[in-house]
Amino acid sequence: MKLEVLVSAVDKNAVELISQMHIATDAVLVNQCGRYAYKTIEAKGGSVKCFSMPERGVGLSRNTALLHASGDVVLFSDEDIILTSDYAKKIRAAYESLPDADLILFNVEVAPSRRTYWNREIRRITYCNYGRYPAYSISGKLNALRRANAHYSLLFGGGAKYSNGEDSLFLRDCLKAGLRIYAHTACIGREQERESTWFSGYHEKFFRDRGVLYHYLYGKLALPLSLRFLWVHRKTMCRKISVGKAFRMMRAGVREARGR
């Protein structure tokens, strides 16, 4: 089983980043750095295809890496993820134990304030529980992803028009295509703490962007689920902006996405 790590980076030195992330398999590194270039770097355990490009946007970066991938299994990752020394062994073992899996979502350690999930059991991912997983937790069989025409939205994420959510849209589209997704308890890395590339507070743009995302995720259920989202997170997100105003912002985002 050939494993390939797909890395999205911005203005990084490729050789230093490969070492910093502890990449020990084949990889595709897409570096958004203001110029076009390509080179191959022979690293510990594999070959890294390095693409430089001036265009910005994490969705574009991930799609570019996916386009040039050639592994049996790919793992999406970011420049601030440090992989464990045995990440390849854990990923291969997981796919061997779950032969019907098209995608497997792994644990990655992050700061408690940023944690949105932690897999405590191996389980199937469905429409009820797919929305909490970041891109760097996602791995998948390349042939299955290509059969499903899976790709990341260019509207959401760092460098795009709207804040975040490209990872949730990606998993939703994989589910719609009939791909089988599992959560797994193996931890394959940790995140280095740094300033977020998209989050700058719970302000009007945050809520409006979330409304746009909810339209694409939930369609006709976008408004009631927006209200539920705000009520559940009101103590954290609505300290400066009231629940009522935040809901109006999310509703404006839903209308914007609908084109009216």
Protein backbone atom coordinates (compact mmCIF):
# COMPACT_ATOMS: atom_id res chain seq x y z
CA MET A 1 0.00 0.00 0.00
CA LYS A 2 1.66 3.22 -1.19
CA LEU A 3 0.89 6.12 1.18
CA GLU A 4 1.25 9.72 0.02
CA VAL A 5 0.95 12.85 2.17
CA LEU A 6 -0.68 15.86 0.46
CA VAL A 7 0.63 19.04 2.09
CA SER A 8 -0.80 22.55 1.76
CA ALA A 9 1.68 25.30 2.66
CA VAL A 10 2.22 29.04 2.28
CA ASP A 11 5.65 30.65 1.76
CA LYS A 12 7.68 27.73 3.12
CA ASN A 13 11.11 26.32 2.39
CA ALA A 14 10.33 22.85 1.05
CA VAL A 15 13.36 21.04 2.46
CA GLU A 16 12.90 22.54 5.92
CA LEU A 17 9.16 21.82 5.94
CA ILE A 18 9.60 18.16 4.95
CA SER A 19 12.00 17.70 7.86
CA GLN A 20 9.85 19.69 10.28
CA MET A 21 6.73 17.65 9.50
CA HIS A 22 8.66 14.34 9.81
CA ILE A 23 7.43 13.18 6.42
CA ALA A 24 8.72 9.64 5.89
CA THR A 25 6.72 8.53 2.85
CA ASP A 26 5.99 9.83 -0.63
CA ALA A 27 4.34 13.24 -0.62
CA VAL A 28 3.01 16.09 -2.74
CA LEU A 29 3.80 19.56 -1.40
CA VAL A 30 1.92 22.55 -2.80
CA ASN A 31 3.55 25.79 -1.71
CA GLN A 32 1.65 29.02 -2.40
CA CYS A 33 4.56 31.41 -2.56
CA GLY A 34 4.17 33.90 -5.42
CA ARG A 35 5.91 32.01 -8.24
CA TYR A 36 5.64 28.92 -10.43
CA ALA A 37 8.19 26.15 -9.93
CA TYR A 38 8.48 22.38 -9.67
CA LYS A 39 11.11 20.06 -8.24
CA THR A 40 11.37 16.62 -6.72
CA ILE A 41 13.08 16.12 -3.38
CA GLU A 42 14.25 12.72 -2.20
CA ALA A 43 13.41 12.59 1.48
CA LYS A 44 13.60 9.96 4.19
CA GLY A 45 11.35 7.11 3.12
CA GLY A 46 10.05 8.57 -0.12
CA SER A 47 9.96 11.13 -2.90
CA VAL A 48 8.31 14.54 -2.49
CA LYS A 49 6.88 16.34 -5.52
CA CYS A 50 7.06 20.08 -4.76
CA PHE A 51 4.83 22.50 -6.66
CA SER A 52 5.10 26.26 -6.18
CA MET A 53 2.28 28.55 -7.33
CA PRO A 54 1.31 32.21 -6.88
CA GLU A 55 -2.45 31.62 -6.56
CA ARG A 56 -3.90 31.52 -3.04
CA GLY A 57 -6.60 29.41 -1.44
CA VAL A 58 -6.41 26.22 0.62
CA GLY A 59 -9.05 24.51 -1.54
CA LEU A 60 -7.02 25.19 -4.68
CA SER A 61 -3.89 23.95 -2.91
CA ARG A 62 -5.51 20.67 -1.84
CA ASN A 63 -7.06 20.10 -5.27
CA THR A 64 -3.68 20.67 -6.92
CA ALA A 65 -2.06 18.12 -4.62
CA LEU A 66 -4.88 15.66 -5.27
CA LEU A 67 -4.47 16.14 -9.03
CA HIS A 68 -0.79 15.16 -8.86
CA ALA A 69 -1.21 12.34 -6.32
CA SER A 70 -0.30 8.78 -7.26
CA GLY A 71 -0.50 6.85 -3.98
CA ASP A 72 -2.92 4.07 -3.12
CA VAL A 73 -3.90 6.05 -0.02
CA VAL A 74 -3.51 9.82 0.45
CA LEU A 75 -3.41 11.80 3.69
CA PHE A 76 -4.28 15.50 3.63
CA SER A 77 -2.06 17.61 5.85
CA ASP A 78 -0.98 21.17 6.64
CA GLU A 79 2.32 22.92 7.22
CA ASP A 80 1.77 23.07 10.99
CA ILE A 81 1.24 19.32 11.48
CA ILE A 82 4.07 17.19 12.89
CA LEU A 83 3.49 13.55 12.03
CA THR A 84 4.30 10.73 14.42
CA SER A 85 7.27 8.52 13.59
CA ASP A 86 4.91 5.60 12.91
CA TYR A 87 2.11 7.41 11.06
CA ALA A 88 2.52 5.29 7.95
CA LYS A 89 2.34 2.04 9.93
CA LYS A 90 -0.81 3.20 11.74
CA ILE A 91 -2.56 4.28 8.54
CA ARG A 92 -1.74 1.08 6.69
CA ALA A 93 -2.91 -1.02 9.65
CA ALA A 94 -6.18 0.90 9.80
CA TYR A 95 -6.97 0.26 6.14
CA GLU A 96 -6.05 -3.41 6.51
CA SER A 97 -8.46 -3.72 9.46
CA LEU A 98 -11.24 -1.84 7.61
CA PRO A 99 -11.06 -3.22 4.07
CA ASP A 100 -14.38 -1.65 3.04
CA ALA A 101 -13.30 1.86 4.06
CA ASP A 102 -12.89 4.46 1.33
CA LEU A 103 -11.85 7.18 3.79
CA ILE A 104 -10.55 6.99 7.36
CA LEU A 105 -10.40 9.97 9.73
CA PHE A 106 -7.58 9.86 12.28
CA ASN A 107 -6.85 11.66 15.53
CA VAL A 108 -4.42 14.60 15.54
CA GLU A 109 -3.53 16.34 18.79
CA VAL A 110 -4.39 20.05 18.97
CA ALA A 111 -4.73 22.64 21.74
CA PRO A 112 -7.86 22.03 23.86
CA SER A 113 -9.33 25.38 22.76
CA ARG A 114 -9.16 24.29 19.10
CA ARG A 115 -10.26 20.69 19.47
CA THR A 116 -13.46 19.87 17.58
CA TYR A 117 -13.29 16.08 17.82
CA TRP A 118 -11.45 13.11 19.32
CA ASN A 119 -12.18 9.59 18.15
CA ARG A 120 -12.63 7.29 21.16
CA GLU A 121 -13.94 4.37 19.14
CA ILE A 122 -13.82 3.08 15.58
CA ARG A 123 -17.15 3.92 14.01
CA ARG A 124 -18.86 4.72 10.74
CA ILE A 125 -19.17 8.37 9.77
CA THR A 126 -22.63 9.42 8.58
CA TYR A 127 -24.56 12.61 7.85
CA CYS A 128 -25.10 12.92 11.62
CA ASN A 129 -21.45 13.21 12.64
CA TYR A 130 -19.26 14.31 9.71
CA GLY A 131 -19.14 18.05 10.43
CA ARG A 132 -16.41 18.21 13.11
CA TYR A 133 -13.41 16.86 11.21
CA PRO A 134 -10.58 19.07 9.89
CA ALA A 135 -8.86 18.28 6.61
CA TYR A 136 -5.65 17.14 8.30
CA SER A 137 -7.56 14.21 9.86
CA ILE A 138 -8.72 12.94 6.47
CA SER A 139 -7.17 10.10 4.51
CA GLY A 140 -8.67 8.25 1.56
CA LYS A 141 -8.14 5.69 -1.15
CA LEU A 142 -7.14 7.69 -4.20
CA ASN A 143 -9.10 5.56 -6.67
CA ALA A 144 -12.28 5.97 -4.61
CA LEU A 145 -11.84 9.75 -4.38
CA ARG A 146 -11.33 10.01 -8.13
CA ARG A 147 -14.32 7.81 -8.93
CA ALA A 148 -16.42 10.11 -6.77
CA ASN A 149 -14.90 13.23 -8.39
CA ALA A 150 -14.13 14.45 -4.85
CA HIS A 151 -12.56 17.87 -4.58
CA TYR A 152 -12.40 20.84 -2.22
CA SER A 153 -14.54 23.95 -2.59
CA LEU A 154 -12.76 27.08 -3.82
CA LEU A 155 -15.24 29.30 -1.93
CA PHE A 156 -14.23 28.35 1.62
CA GLY A 157 -11.06 28.20 3.71
CA GLY A 158 -7.88 30.23 4.07
CA GLY A 159 -7.30 32.49 1.07
CA ALA A 160 -10.90 32.10 -0.18
CA LYS A 161 -13.90 34.43 -0.03
CA TYR A 162 -15.51 32.72 2.95
CA SER A 163 -13.80 31.63 6.16
CA ASN A 164 -13.80 27.89 6.78
CA GLY A 165 -15.87 24.80 6.05
CA GLU A 166 -14.18 23.32 2.99
CA ASP A 167 -13.37 20.16 4.94
CA SER A 168 -17.01 19.61 5.97
CA LEU A 169 -18.17 20.16 2.39
CA PHE A 170 -15.58 17.67 1.16
CA LEU A 171 -16.79 14.95 3.55
CA ARG A 172 -20.43 15.74 2.78
CA ASP A 173 -19.75 15.32 -0.94
CA CYS A 174 -17.95 12.02 -0.29
CA LEU A 175 -20.98 10.75 1.64
CA LYS A 176 -23.31 11.87 -1.15
CA ALA A 177 -21.17 9.91 -3.61
CA GLY A 178 -21.66 6.77 -1.53
CA LEU A 179 -18.13 6.52 -0.15
CA ARG A 180 -17.71 4.64 3.13
CA ILE A 181 -16.05 6.77 5.82
CA TYR A 182 -14.78 5.61 9.21
CA ALA A 183 -13.37 7.36 12.27
CA HIS A 184 -10.32 5.66 13.80
CA THR A 185 -8.69 5.98 17.22
CA ALA A 186 -5.06 6.02 16.00
CA CYS A 187 -3.25 9.34 16.57
CA ILE A 188 -0.99 10.21 13.64
CA GLY A 189 0.34 13.65 14.58
CA ARG A 190 0.07 16.87 16.48
CA GLU A 191 -0.55 20.48 15.52
CA GLN A 192 1.98 23.21 16.26
CA GLU A 193 0.14 26.14 17.80
CA ARG A 194 0.12 29.25 15.62
CA GLU A 195 -2.17 32.14 14.73
CA SER A 196 -5.15 30.98 12.70
CA THR A 197 -5.11 31.81 9.00
CA TRP A 198 -8.87 32.39 8.96
CA PHE A 199 -10.24 32.96 12.48
CA SER A 200 -10.08 36.51 13.85
CA GLY A 201 -13.00 36.49 16.27
CA TYR A 202 -16.75 36.04 16.46
CA HIS A 203 -17.63 39.11 14.45
CA GLU A 204 -20.24 39.84 11.78
CA LYS A 205 -18.21 38.30 8.96
CA PHE A 206 -17.76 35.08 10.95
CA PHE A 207 -21.52 34.63 11.32
CA ARG A 208 -22.34 35.73 7.77
CA ASP A 209 -19.77 33.31 6.36
CA ARG A 210 -21.19 30.55 8.56
CA GLY A 211 -24.62 31.25 7.09
CA VAL A 212 -23.25 30.83 3.56
CA LEU A 213 -21.66 27.54 4.60
CA TYR A 214 -24.88 26.28 6.19
CA HIS A 215 -26.75 26.91 2.96
CA TYR A 216 -24.36 24.66 1.07
CA LEU A 217 -24.28 22.05 3.82
CA TYR A 218 -27.94 21.86 4.79
CA GLY A 219 -30.08 23.50 2.10
CA LYS A 220 -33.63 24.07 3.37
CA LEU A 221 -32.57 23.24 6.94
CA ALA A 222 -29.94 25.99 6.99
CA LEU A 223 -31.94 28.48 9.08
CA PRO A 224 -33.22 26.18 11.84
CA LEU A 225 -29.78 24.58 12.13
CA SER A 226 -28.21 28.06 12.26
CA LEU A 227 -30.40 28.89 15.25
CA ARG A 228 -29.51 25.60 16.91
CA PHE A 229 -25.80 26.22 16.30
CA LEU A 230 -25.97 29.66 17.91
CA TRP A 231 -27.96 28.47 20.91
CA VAL A 232 -25.58 25.60 21.63
CA HIS A 233 -22.50 27.86 21.35
CA ARG A 234 -24.03 31.08 22.73
CA LYS A 235 -21.78 31.24 25.82
CA THR A 236 -18.64 31.13 23.68
CA MET A 237 -19.62 32.87 20.46
CA CYS A 238 -22.21 35.43 21.53
CA ARG A 239 -20.44 37.40 24.22
CA LYS A 240 -20.09 40.55 22.10
CA ILE A 241 -22.80 39.95 19.52
CA SER A 242 -26.22 38.81 20.74
CA VAL A 243 -27.77 35.55 19.57
CA GLY A 244 -30.44 37.55 17.75
CA LYS A 245 -27.94 39.69 15.82
CA ALA A 246 -25.74 36.68 15.08
CA PHE A 247 -28.77 34.86 13.67
CA ARG A 248 -29.59 37.85 11.46
CA MET A 249 -26.01 37.71 10.13
CA MET A 250 -26.27 33.98 9.46
CA ARG A 251 -29.63 34.50 7.77
CA ALA A 252 -28.06 37.18 5.58
CA GLY A 253 -25.35 34.68 4.64
CA VAL A 254 -27.94 32.05 3.73
CA ARG A 255 -29.73 34.59 1.52
CA GLU A 256 -26.46 35.62 -0.09
CA ALA A 257 -25.73 31.99 -0.97
CA ARG A 258 -29.22 31.62 -2.39
CA GLY A 259 -28.63 34.66 -4.57
CA ARG A 260 -31.33 36.81 -3.03
